[in-house]
N, C-alpha and C. Protein backbone atom coordinates (compact mmCIF):
# COMPACT_ATOMS: atom_id res chain seq x y z
N MET A 1 15.06 -8.35 -9.49
CA MET A 1 15.20 -8.26 -8.05
C MET A 1 14.08 -9.05 -7.39
N ASN A 2 14.42 -9.77 -6.35
CA ASN A 2 13.44 -10.58 -5.63
C ASN A 2 12.93 -9.79 -4.43
N ASP A 3 11.81 -9.09 -4.61
CA ASP A 3 11.26 -8.26 -3.55
C ASP A 3 10.67 -9.13 -2.45
N LYS A 4 11.13 -8.93 -1.25
CA LYS A 4 10.62 -9.61 -0.07
C LYS A 4 10.00 -8.63 0.90
N SER A 5 10.44 -7.38 0.81
CA SER A 5 10.03 -6.36 1.77
C SER A 5 9.65 -5.09 1.04
N ILE A 6 8.95 -4.24 1.77
CA ILE A 6 8.53 -2.96 1.23
C ILE A 6 8.75 -1.90 2.30
N GLY A 7 9.08 -0.70 1.86
CA GLY A 7 9.26 0.40 2.79
C GLY A 7 8.72 1.67 2.18
N LEU A 8 8.30 2.60 3.06
CA LEU A 8 7.71 3.84 2.59
C LEU A 8 8.15 4.98 3.49
N ILE A 9 8.43 6.10 2.90
CA ILE A 9 8.69 7.34 3.63
C ILE A 9 7.77 8.41 3.07
N GLU A 10 7.12 9.13 3.97
CA GLU A 10 6.24 10.25 3.60
C GLU A 10 6.85 11.52 4.18
N LEU A 11 6.93 12.56 3.34
CA LEU A 11 7.60 13.80 3.71
C LEU A 11 6.69 15.00 3.51
N SER A 12 6.98 16.08 4.22
CA SER A 12 6.18 17.31 4.11
C SER A 12 6.68 18.22 3.00
N SER A 13 7.76 17.84 2.34
CA SER A 13 8.37 18.68 1.31
C SER A 13 8.62 17.88 0.03
N VAL A 14 8.24 18.44 -1.10
CA VAL A 14 8.50 17.80 -2.39
C VAL A 14 10.00 17.79 -2.67
N ALA A 15 10.68 18.91 -2.43
CA ALA A 15 12.13 18.98 -2.68
C ALA A 15 12.86 17.94 -1.82
N ALA A 16 12.49 17.84 -0.56
CA ALA A 16 13.11 16.83 0.31
C ALA A 16 12.81 15.43 -0.21
N GLY A 17 11.67 15.25 -0.84
CA GLY A 17 11.31 13.95 -1.40
C GLY A 17 12.30 13.47 -2.44
N PHE A 18 12.72 14.36 -3.32
CA PHE A 18 13.71 13.99 -4.33
C PHE A 18 15.05 13.63 -3.67
N GLN A 19 15.43 14.43 -2.68
CA GLN A 19 16.69 14.19 -1.98
C GLN A 19 16.66 12.86 -1.24
N VAL A 20 15.58 12.58 -0.53
CA VAL A 20 15.47 11.34 0.23
C VAL A 20 15.40 10.14 -0.71
N ALA A 21 14.67 10.26 -1.82
CA ALA A 21 14.61 9.15 -2.79
C ALA A 21 16.01 8.81 -3.29
N ASP A 22 16.80 9.83 -3.61
CA ASP A 22 18.16 9.61 -4.07
C ASP A 22 18.99 8.90 -2.99
N THR A 23 18.86 9.34 -1.77
CA THR A 23 19.58 8.72 -0.65
C THR A 23 19.19 7.26 -0.49
N MET A 24 17.90 6.98 -0.54
CA MET A 24 17.41 5.61 -0.35
C MET A 24 17.92 4.68 -1.45
N LEU A 25 17.88 5.15 -2.68
CA LEU A 25 18.30 4.31 -3.80
C LEU A 25 19.81 4.04 -3.79
N LYS A 26 20.57 4.97 -3.26
CA LYS A 26 22.02 4.79 -3.16
C LYS A 26 22.41 3.96 -1.93
N ALA A 27 21.50 3.84 -0.97
CA ALA A 27 21.82 3.15 0.29
C ALA A 27 21.76 1.63 0.18
N GLY A 28 21.05 1.11 -0.79
CA GLY A 28 20.93 -0.34 -0.86
C GLY A 28 20.42 -0.80 -2.21
N ASN A 29 20.46 -2.08 -2.41
CA ASN A 29 19.99 -2.69 -3.65
C ASN A 29 18.47 -2.81 -3.59
N VAL A 30 17.78 -1.68 -3.82
CA VAL A 30 16.33 -1.63 -3.73
C VAL A 30 15.75 -1.16 -5.06
N ARG A 31 14.46 -1.42 -5.22
CA ARG A 31 13.72 -1.02 -6.42
C ARG A 31 12.75 0.09 -6.04
N LEU A 32 12.72 1.15 -6.82
CA LEU A 32 11.79 2.24 -6.60
C LEU A 32 10.42 1.82 -7.12
N ILE A 33 9.44 1.75 -6.24
CA ILE A 33 8.08 1.38 -6.62
C ILE A 33 7.29 2.64 -6.95
N LEU A 34 7.36 3.64 -6.08
CA LEU A 34 6.67 4.92 -6.29
C LEU A 34 7.53 6.04 -5.74
N SER A 35 7.55 7.14 -6.41
CA SER A 35 8.20 8.35 -5.92
C SER A 35 7.44 9.50 -6.55
N ARG A 36 6.61 10.17 -5.72
CA ARG A 36 5.76 11.21 -6.31
C ARG A 36 5.17 12.11 -5.24
N SER A 37 4.73 13.27 -5.72
CA SER A 37 3.99 14.16 -4.83
C SER A 37 2.60 13.57 -4.63
N ILE A 38 2.05 13.80 -3.46
CA ILE A 38 0.71 13.31 -3.15
C ILE A 38 -0.12 14.46 -2.60
N CYS A 39 -1.40 14.23 -2.46
CA CYS A 39 -2.33 15.27 -2.05
C CYS A 39 -1.86 16.00 -0.79
N SER A 40 -2.20 17.21 -0.74
CA SER A 40 -1.91 18.22 0.27
C SER A 40 -0.43 18.57 0.32
N GLY A 41 0.24 18.47 -0.84
CA GLY A 41 1.60 18.96 -0.96
C GLY A 41 2.68 18.13 -0.31
N LYS A 42 2.43 16.87 -0.11
CA LYS A 42 3.42 15.99 0.51
C LYS A 42 4.12 15.16 -0.58
N TYR A 43 5.11 14.37 -0.17
CA TYR A 43 5.85 13.53 -1.10
C TYR A 43 6.00 12.14 -0.50
N MET A 44 5.84 11.11 -1.35
CA MET A 44 5.89 9.73 -0.90
C MET A 44 6.90 8.95 -1.73
N ILE A 45 7.73 8.16 -1.04
CA ILE A 45 8.68 7.28 -1.70
C ILE A 45 8.45 5.87 -1.18
N MET A 46 8.23 4.92 -2.09
CA MET A 46 8.04 3.52 -1.72
C MET A 46 9.07 2.68 -2.46
N ILE A 47 9.72 1.80 -1.71
CA ILE A 47 10.74 0.93 -2.29
C ILE A 47 10.44 -0.52 -1.95
N GLY A 48 11.00 -1.41 -2.73
CA GLY A 48 10.90 -2.84 -2.47
C GLY A 48 12.25 -3.48 -2.69
N GLY A 49 12.42 -4.67 -2.11
CA GLY A 49 13.67 -5.38 -2.31
C GLY A 49 13.93 -6.36 -1.19
N PRO A 50 15.16 -6.84 -1.12
CA PRO A 50 15.53 -7.75 -0.04
C PRO A 50 15.39 -7.05 1.32
N THR A 51 15.05 -7.80 2.33
CA THR A 51 14.72 -7.25 3.64
C THR A 51 15.79 -6.31 4.19
N ALA A 52 17.04 -6.76 4.26
CA ALA A 52 18.10 -5.93 4.83
C ALA A 52 18.33 -4.66 4.02
N ALA A 53 18.24 -4.75 2.70
CA ALA A 53 18.45 -3.59 1.84
C ALA A 53 17.35 -2.55 2.03
N VAL A 54 16.10 -3.01 2.12
CA VAL A 54 14.99 -2.08 2.32
C VAL A 54 15.11 -1.40 3.69
N GLN A 55 15.41 -2.18 4.72
CA GLN A 55 15.56 -1.61 6.06
C GLN A 55 16.67 -0.55 6.08
N SER A 56 17.79 -0.86 5.44
CA SER A 56 18.91 0.07 5.38
C SER A 56 18.53 1.34 4.63
N ALA A 57 17.83 1.20 3.51
CA ALA A 57 17.43 2.35 2.71
C ALA A 57 16.42 3.23 3.45
N ILE A 58 15.49 2.63 4.16
CA ILE A 58 14.51 3.40 4.95
C ILE A 58 15.23 4.18 6.05
N ASN A 59 16.13 3.53 6.74
CA ASN A 59 16.89 4.21 7.80
C ASN A 59 17.69 5.38 7.24
N ALA A 60 18.37 5.17 6.12
CA ALA A 60 19.16 6.23 5.50
C ALA A 60 18.27 7.39 5.06
N GLY A 61 17.13 7.06 4.46
CA GLY A 61 16.21 8.11 4.02
C GLY A 61 15.67 8.92 5.18
N ALA A 62 15.28 8.25 6.24
CA ALA A 62 14.74 8.94 7.42
C ALA A 62 15.79 9.86 8.03
N GLU A 63 17.04 9.40 8.08
CA GLU A 63 18.13 10.21 8.64
C GLU A 63 18.40 11.45 7.79
N ASN A 64 18.10 11.38 6.50
CA ASN A 64 18.39 12.47 5.57
C ASN A 64 17.16 13.33 5.28
N ALA A 65 16.11 13.19 6.06
CA ALA A 65 14.85 13.91 5.80
C ALA A 65 14.88 15.36 6.25
N ASN A 66 15.87 15.76 6.99
CA ASN A 66 16.06 17.16 7.40
C ASN A 66 14.81 17.81 7.98
N GLY A 67 14.17 17.13 8.90
CA GLY A 67 13.00 17.69 9.58
C GLY A 67 11.70 17.60 8.81
N CYS A 68 11.71 16.96 7.65
CA CYS A 68 10.51 16.88 6.80
C CYS A 68 9.80 15.53 6.91
N LEU A 69 10.30 14.62 7.73
CA LEU A 69 9.71 13.29 7.85
C LEU A 69 8.34 13.36 8.53
N ILE A 70 7.31 12.83 7.85
CA ILE A 70 5.97 12.73 8.43
C ILE A 70 5.76 11.33 8.99
N ASP A 71 6.09 10.32 8.15
CA ASP A 71 5.85 8.93 8.55
C ASP A 71 6.78 8.03 7.75
N LYS A 72 7.03 6.85 8.29
CA LYS A 72 7.81 5.85 7.59
C LYS A 72 7.34 4.48 8.07
N PHE A 73 7.53 3.47 7.25
CA PHE A 73 7.30 2.11 7.70
C PHE A 73 8.13 1.15 6.89
N PHE A 74 8.34 -0.01 7.49
CA PHE A 74 9.10 -1.09 6.89
C PHE A 74 8.29 -2.36 7.14
N LEU A 75 8.04 -3.12 6.08
CA LEU A 75 7.25 -4.34 6.20
C LEU A 75 8.00 -5.49 5.54
N PRO A 76 8.55 -6.41 6.34
CA PRO A 76 9.24 -7.57 5.77
C PRO A 76 8.24 -8.65 5.35
N ASN A 77 8.66 -9.55 4.51
CA ASN A 77 7.85 -10.70 4.09
C ASN A 77 6.47 -10.31 3.56
N VAL A 78 6.45 -9.37 2.66
CA VAL A 78 5.20 -8.88 2.08
C VAL A 78 4.57 -9.97 1.20
N HIS A 79 3.24 -10.07 1.29
CA HIS A 79 2.52 -10.99 0.41
C HIS A 79 2.73 -10.51 -1.04
N PRO A 80 3.04 -11.41 -1.97
CA PRO A 80 3.30 -11.02 -3.37
C PRO A 80 2.17 -10.23 -4.02
N ASP A 81 0.92 -10.46 -3.62
CA ASP A 81 -0.21 -9.73 -4.20
C ASP A 81 -0.11 -8.22 -3.95
N VAL A 82 0.55 -7.82 -2.87
CA VAL A 82 0.68 -6.39 -2.58
C VAL A 82 1.46 -5.72 -3.70
N PHE A 83 2.56 -6.30 -4.13
CA PHE A 83 3.35 -5.73 -5.21
C PHE A 83 2.55 -5.68 -6.51
N VAL A 84 1.81 -6.74 -6.79
CA VAL A 84 1.00 -6.80 -8.00
C VAL A 84 -0.08 -5.72 -7.97
N ALA A 85 -0.77 -5.58 -6.84
CA ALA A 85 -1.87 -4.61 -6.73
C ALA A 85 -1.36 -3.17 -6.78
N LEU A 86 -0.16 -2.92 -6.29
CA LEU A 86 0.41 -1.57 -6.37
C LEU A 86 0.72 -1.17 -7.80
N GLY A 87 1.15 -2.11 -8.61
CA GLY A 87 1.53 -1.80 -9.98
C GLY A 87 0.60 -2.38 -11.00
N ARG A 88 -0.67 -2.47 -10.67
CA ARG A 88 -1.65 -3.14 -11.53
C ARG A 88 -1.48 -2.72 -12.98
N THR A 89 -1.04 -3.67 -13.79
CA THR A 89 -0.88 -3.42 -15.22
C THR A 89 -1.76 -4.33 -16.04
N GLN A 90 -2.25 -5.40 -15.43
CA GLN A 90 -3.14 -6.32 -16.11
C GLN A 90 -4.44 -6.44 -15.32
N VAL A 91 -5.51 -6.59 -16.01
CA VAL A 91 -6.81 -6.72 -15.37
C VAL A 91 -6.95 -8.12 -14.79
N ALA A 92 -7.21 -8.19 -13.49
CA ALA A 92 -7.46 -9.48 -12.86
C ALA A 92 -8.93 -9.84 -13.06
N GLN A 93 -9.20 -11.11 -13.22
CA GLN A 93 -10.58 -11.54 -13.39
C GLN A 93 -11.28 -11.59 -12.04
N PRO A 94 -12.40 -10.89 -11.89
CA PRO A 94 -13.13 -10.93 -10.63
C PRO A 94 -13.61 -12.35 -10.35
N ASN A 95 -13.55 -12.72 -9.10
CA ASN A 95 -13.91 -14.07 -8.70
C ASN A 95 -14.87 -14.02 -7.53
N GLY A 96 -16.09 -13.61 -7.77
CA GLY A 96 -17.09 -13.63 -6.69
C GLY A 96 -17.24 -12.32 -5.97
N ALA A 97 -17.07 -12.36 -4.65
CA ALA A 97 -17.31 -11.19 -3.80
C ALA A 97 -16.24 -10.12 -4.04
N LEU A 98 -16.60 -8.91 -3.67
CA LEU A 98 -15.70 -7.77 -3.78
C LEU A 98 -15.57 -7.13 -2.41
N GLY A 99 -14.34 -6.92 -1.97
CA GLY A 99 -14.08 -6.25 -0.69
C GLY A 99 -13.31 -4.97 -0.93
N ILE A 100 -13.63 -3.95 -0.13
CA ILE A 100 -12.96 -2.66 -0.23
C ILE A 100 -12.61 -2.18 1.17
N LEU A 101 -11.34 -1.84 1.39
CA LEU A 101 -10.88 -1.21 2.62
C LEU A 101 -10.42 0.20 2.27
N GLU A 102 -10.81 1.17 3.08
CA GLU A 102 -10.45 2.56 2.82
C GLU A 102 -9.88 3.17 4.09
N SER A 103 -8.74 3.88 3.94
CA SER A 103 -8.02 4.44 5.08
C SER A 103 -7.68 5.90 4.83
N PHE A 104 -7.57 6.65 5.92
CA PHE A 104 -7.09 8.03 5.84
C PHE A 104 -5.58 8.08 5.67
N ASN A 105 -4.90 6.93 5.77
CA ASN A 105 -3.45 6.89 5.84
C ASN A 105 -2.90 5.87 4.86
N VAL A 106 -1.91 6.24 4.08
CA VAL A 106 -1.30 5.37 3.07
C VAL A 106 -0.58 4.20 3.72
N ALA A 107 0.29 4.48 4.67
CA ALA A 107 1.11 3.43 5.29
C ALA A 107 0.23 2.36 5.94
N THR A 108 -0.78 2.77 6.67
CA THR A 108 -1.65 1.81 7.35
C THR A 108 -2.44 0.98 6.36
N LEU A 109 -2.85 1.58 5.25
CA LEU A 109 -3.58 0.82 4.24
C LEU A 109 -2.72 -0.28 3.65
N ILE A 110 -1.45 -0.01 3.41
CA ILE A 110 -0.56 -1.04 2.86
C ILE A 110 -0.39 -2.18 3.87
N LEU A 111 -0.22 -1.84 5.13
CA LEU A 111 -0.13 -2.88 6.17
C LEU A 111 -1.41 -3.71 6.21
N ALA A 112 -2.55 -3.07 6.08
CA ALA A 112 -3.85 -3.77 6.10
C ALA A 112 -4.02 -4.64 4.86
N ALA A 113 -3.59 -4.17 3.70
CA ALA A 113 -3.68 -4.97 2.48
C ALA A 113 -2.85 -6.23 2.61
N ASP A 114 -1.66 -6.10 3.16
CA ASP A 114 -0.79 -7.26 3.38
C ASP A 114 -1.45 -8.25 4.34
N ALA A 115 -2.00 -7.74 5.43
CA ALA A 115 -2.68 -8.61 6.41
C ALA A 115 -3.88 -9.30 5.79
N SER A 116 -4.62 -8.59 4.97
CA SER A 116 -5.79 -9.17 4.30
C SER A 116 -5.39 -10.32 3.38
N ALA A 117 -4.34 -10.09 2.58
CA ALA A 117 -3.88 -11.12 1.65
C ALA A 117 -3.36 -12.35 2.37
N LYS A 118 -2.80 -12.15 3.55
CA LYS A 118 -2.27 -13.27 4.33
C LYS A 118 -3.34 -13.99 5.13
N ALA A 119 -4.46 -13.33 5.40
CA ALA A 119 -5.51 -13.89 6.25
C ALA A 119 -6.44 -14.85 5.54
N ALA A 120 -6.57 -14.72 4.22
CA ALA A 120 -7.54 -15.54 3.49
C ALA A 120 -7.13 -15.64 2.02
N SER A 121 -7.77 -16.56 1.34
CA SER A 121 -7.48 -16.78 -0.07
C SER A 121 -8.25 -15.77 -0.92
N VAL A 122 -7.66 -14.58 -1.06
CA VAL A 122 -8.24 -13.52 -1.88
C VAL A 122 -7.19 -13.05 -2.87
N THR A 123 -7.64 -12.36 -3.89
CA THR A 123 -6.75 -11.73 -4.84
C THR A 123 -6.89 -10.22 -4.67
N LEU A 124 -5.79 -9.55 -4.38
CA LEU A 124 -5.81 -8.09 -4.32
C LEU A 124 -5.87 -7.57 -5.74
N LEU A 125 -6.84 -6.72 -6.00
CA LEU A 125 -7.01 -6.19 -7.35
C LEU A 125 -6.22 -4.92 -7.57
N GLU A 126 -6.33 -3.99 -6.61
CA GLU A 126 -5.66 -2.71 -6.77
C GLU A 126 -5.46 -2.07 -5.41
N ILE A 127 -4.32 -1.43 -5.25
CA ILE A 127 -4.07 -0.56 -4.10
C ILE A 127 -3.87 0.82 -4.68
N ARG A 128 -4.76 1.74 -4.32
CA ARG A 128 -4.68 3.10 -4.85
C ARG A 128 -4.29 4.03 -3.71
N LEU A 129 -3.25 4.81 -3.93
CA LEU A 129 -2.64 5.60 -2.87
C LEU A 129 -2.70 7.10 -3.11
N ALA A 130 -3.42 7.81 -2.30
CA ALA A 130 -3.35 9.25 -2.10
C ALA A 130 -3.70 10.16 -3.27
N MET A 131 -3.40 9.81 -4.50
CA MET A 131 -3.63 10.72 -5.61
C MET A 131 -5.12 10.79 -5.95
N ALA A 132 -5.61 12.02 -6.02
CA ALA A 132 -7.02 12.31 -6.31
C ALA A 132 -7.94 11.68 -5.27
N LEU A 133 -7.40 11.48 -4.08
CA LEU A 133 -8.18 10.89 -2.98
C LEU A 133 -8.07 11.73 -1.71
N GLY A 134 -7.54 12.94 -1.82
CA GLY A 134 -7.38 13.77 -0.64
C GLY A 134 -6.42 13.17 0.37
N GLY A 135 -5.46 12.40 -0.10
CA GLY A 135 -4.49 11.78 0.79
C GLY A 135 -4.91 10.42 1.32
N LYS A 136 -6.13 10.00 1.04
CA LYS A 136 -6.60 8.69 1.51
C LYS A 136 -6.06 7.58 0.60
N ALA A 137 -6.35 6.33 0.98
CA ALA A 137 -5.93 5.19 0.19
C ALA A 137 -6.97 4.09 0.31
N PHE A 138 -7.03 3.20 -0.72
CA PHE A 138 -7.93 2.06 -0.60
C PHE A 138 -7.37 0.87 -1.34
N VAL A 139 -7.86 -0.31 -0.96
CA VAL A 139 -7.50 -1.56 -1.61
C VAL A 139 -8.79 -2.29 -1.96
N THR A 140 -8.80 -2.94 -3.12
CA THR A 140 -9.92 -3.79 -3.51
C THR A 140 -9.41 -5.22 -3.63
N MET A 141 -10.29 -6.16 -3.33
CA MET A 141 -9.92 -7.58 -3.38
C MET A 141 -11.13 -8.40 -3.77
N THR A 142 -10.87 -9.60 -4.27
CA THR A 142 -11.94 -10.49 -4.68
C THR A 142 -11.63 -11.92 -4.24
N GLY A 143 -12.67 -12.72 -4.17
CA GLY A 143 -12.57 -14.12 -3.76
C GLY A 143 -13.96 -14.61 -3.38
N ASP A 144 -14.04 -15.80 -2.78
CA ASP A 144 -15.36 -16.25 -2.33
C ASP A 144 -15.77 -15.39 -1.13
N VAL A 145 -17.06 -15.37 -0.85
CA VAL A 145 -17.62 -14.47 0.17
C VAL A 145 -16.93 -14.63 1.52
N GLY A 146 -16.80 -15.86 1.98
CA GLY A 146 -16.19 -16.10 3.29
C GLY A 146 -14.76 -15.61 3.35
N SER A 147 -13.99 -15.86 2.30
CA SER A 147 -12.60 -15.42 2.27
C SER A 147 -12.50 -13.90 2.25
N VAL A 148 -13.34 -13.24 1.48
CA VAL A 148 -13.31 -11.78 1.43
C VAL A 148 -13.72 -11.20 2.78
N GLN A 149 -14.72 -11.78 3.42
CA GLN A 149 -15.12 -11.31 4.75
C GLN A 149 -13.97 -11.45 5.76
N THR A 150 -13.29 -12.58 5.72
CA THR A 150 -12.16 -12.81 6.62
C THR A 150 -11.03 -11.82 6.34
N ALA A 151 -10.72 -11.62 5.07
CA ALA A 151 -9.65 -10.71 4.68
C ALA A 151 -9.98 -9.27 5.07
N ILE A 152 -11.20 -8.86 4.82
CA ILE A 152 -11.62 -7.50 5.17
C ILE A 152 -11.55 -7.30 6.68
N ALA A 153 -11.99 -8.28 7.46
CA ALA A 153 -11.93 -8.19 8.92
C ALA A 153 -10.49 -8.03 9.41
N ALA A 154 -9.57 -8.77 8.81
CA ALA A 154 -8.16 -8.67 9.21
C ALA A 154 -7.60 -7.29 8.90
N GLY A 155 -7.86 -6.79 7.71
CA GLY A 155 -7.37 -5.46 7.34
C GLY A 155 -8.05 -4.36 8.13
N LYS A 156 -9.34 -4.51 8.35
CA LYS A 156 -10.10 -3.50 9.10
C LYS A 156 -9.58 -3.36 10.52
N ALA A 157 -9.19 -4.48 11.13
CA ALA A 157 -8.67 -4.44 12.50
C ALA A 157 -7.41 -3.58 12.58
N ILE A 158 -6.54 -3.70 11.59
CA ILE A 158 -5.30 -2.91 11.58
C ILE A 158 -5.59 -1.43 11.39
N ILE A 159 -6.46 -1.12 10.45
CA ILE A 159 -6.79 0.28 10.18
C ILE A 159 -7.54 0.90 11.36
N SER A 160 -8.46 0.15 11.95
CA SER A 160 -9.21 0.63 13.10
C SER A 160 -8.29 0.90 14.29
N GLU A 161 -7.36 -0.03 14.53
CA GLU A 161 -6.43 0.13 15.65
C GLU A 161 -5.60 1.39 15.51
N ALA A 162 -5.27 1.75 14.28
CA ALA A 162 -4.50 2.97 14.02
C ALA A 162 -5.38 4.22 14.06
N GLY A 163 -6.70 4.04 14.10
CA GLY A 163 -7.62 5.17 14.16
C GLY A 163 -7.80 5.90 12.85
N VAL A 164 -7.58 5.21 11.72
CA VAL A 164 -7.67 5.88 10.41
C VAL A 164 -8.64 5.19 9.44
N LEU A 165 -9.58 4.42 9.98
CA LEU A 165 -10.55 3.74 9.12
C LEU A 165 -11.56 4.72 8.55
N VAL A 166 -11.72 4.69 7.24
CA VAL A 166 -12.78 5.45 6.58
C VAL A 166 -13.98 4.53 6.41
N ASN A 167 -13.76 3.34 5.80
CA ASN A 167 -14.86 2.41 5.59
C ASN A 167 -14.30 1.05 5.17
N ALA A 168 -15.12 0.03 5.37
CA ALA A 168 -14.80 -1.33 4.93
C ALA A 168 -16.10 -1.95 4.46
N VAL A 169 -16.09 -2.49 3.23
CA VAL A 169 -17.31 -3.00 2.63
C VAL A 169 -17.04 -4.34 1.97
N VAL A 170 -18.02 -5.26 2.07
CA VAL A 170 -17.99 -6.51 1.33
C VAL A 170 -19.27 -6.60 0.51
N LEU A 171 -19.12 -6.73 -0.81
CA LEU A 171 -20.26 -6.94 -1.70
C LEU A 171 -20.24 -8.41 -2.08
N SER A 172 -21.23 -9.15 -1.63
CA SER A 172 -21.20 -10.60 -1.86
C SER A 172 -21.45 -10.97 -3.32
N ARG A 173 -22.29 -10.21 -4.00
CA ARG A 173 -22.56 -10.47 -5.42
C ARG A 173 -22.66 -9.15 -6.16
N PRO A 174 -21.52 -8.50 -6.42
CA PRO A 174 -21.57 -7.21 -7.08
C PRO A 174 -22.04 -7.33 -8.52
N HIS A 175 -22.73 -6.32 -8.96
CA HIS A 175 -23.14 -6.23 -10.35
C HIS A 175 -21.87 -6.22 -11.20
N PRO A 176 -21.84 -6.91 -12.34
CA PRO A 176 -20.63 -6.95 -13.18
C PRO A 176 -20.09 -5.58 -13.56
N ASP A 177 -20.97 -4.60 -13.71
CA ASP A 177 -20.52 -3.25 -14.07
C ASP A 177 -19.70 -2.59 -12.95
N VAL A 178 -19.93 -3.02 -11.72
CA VAL A 178 -19.16 -2.46 -10.59
C VAL A 178 -17.68 -2.80 -10.77
N TYR A 179 -17.38 -3.99 -11.25
CA TYR A 179 -15.99 -4.39 -11.45
C TYR A 179 -15.27 -3.53 -12.49
N ARG A 180 -16.00 -2.95 -13.41
CA ARG A 180 -15.35 -2.09 -14.41
C ARG A 180 -14.74 -0.87 -13.75
N GLU A 181 -15.31 -0.43 -12.63
CA GLU A 181 -14.77 0.72 -11.91
C GLU A 181 -13.60 0.32 -11.02
N VAL A 182 -13.49 -0.96 -10.71
CA VAL A 182 -12.48 -1.45 -9.79
C VAL A 182 -11.18 -1.78 -10.51
N ILE A 183 -11.26 -2.40 -11.65
CA ILE A 183 -10.06 -2.92 -12.30
C ILE A 183 -9.86 -2.36 -13.69
């Protein structure tokens, strides 16, 4: 499947999460990226796929949430690094500076990660969502110092505007051992 878009639904009920995931997958030709319970007893479903299919699946899922919908988003034309960072299965080689964006909100963090990847020549290393983070989320990225600063500024603006910024950091020359914790 050629993923161009990403969508996410967050629910207040685990049982509703299974029902909504089933609805979304039946509504369009989409790929399930994540479907799981997250901190504080909520449930998150993330899908990827062609733009129209993802939009249709998000709409169908939201309509079938039965009062349990907390949040949803749809993001067309996602930067390919976002998909790679969400499913990190291979270790990326660090390339200079290290940037970290941290958000109180999963959906906003994904939007910020996409904006960061589009704003500068950086490599997204990992997007970690909600689990063992008290519902928070963060993204790590690497590149030359100027690019990481530009990317972090772009992502920080989105998270700040939403009022859910926890922190944003750029390490220009991180100790090599720091990368072992990142990737």
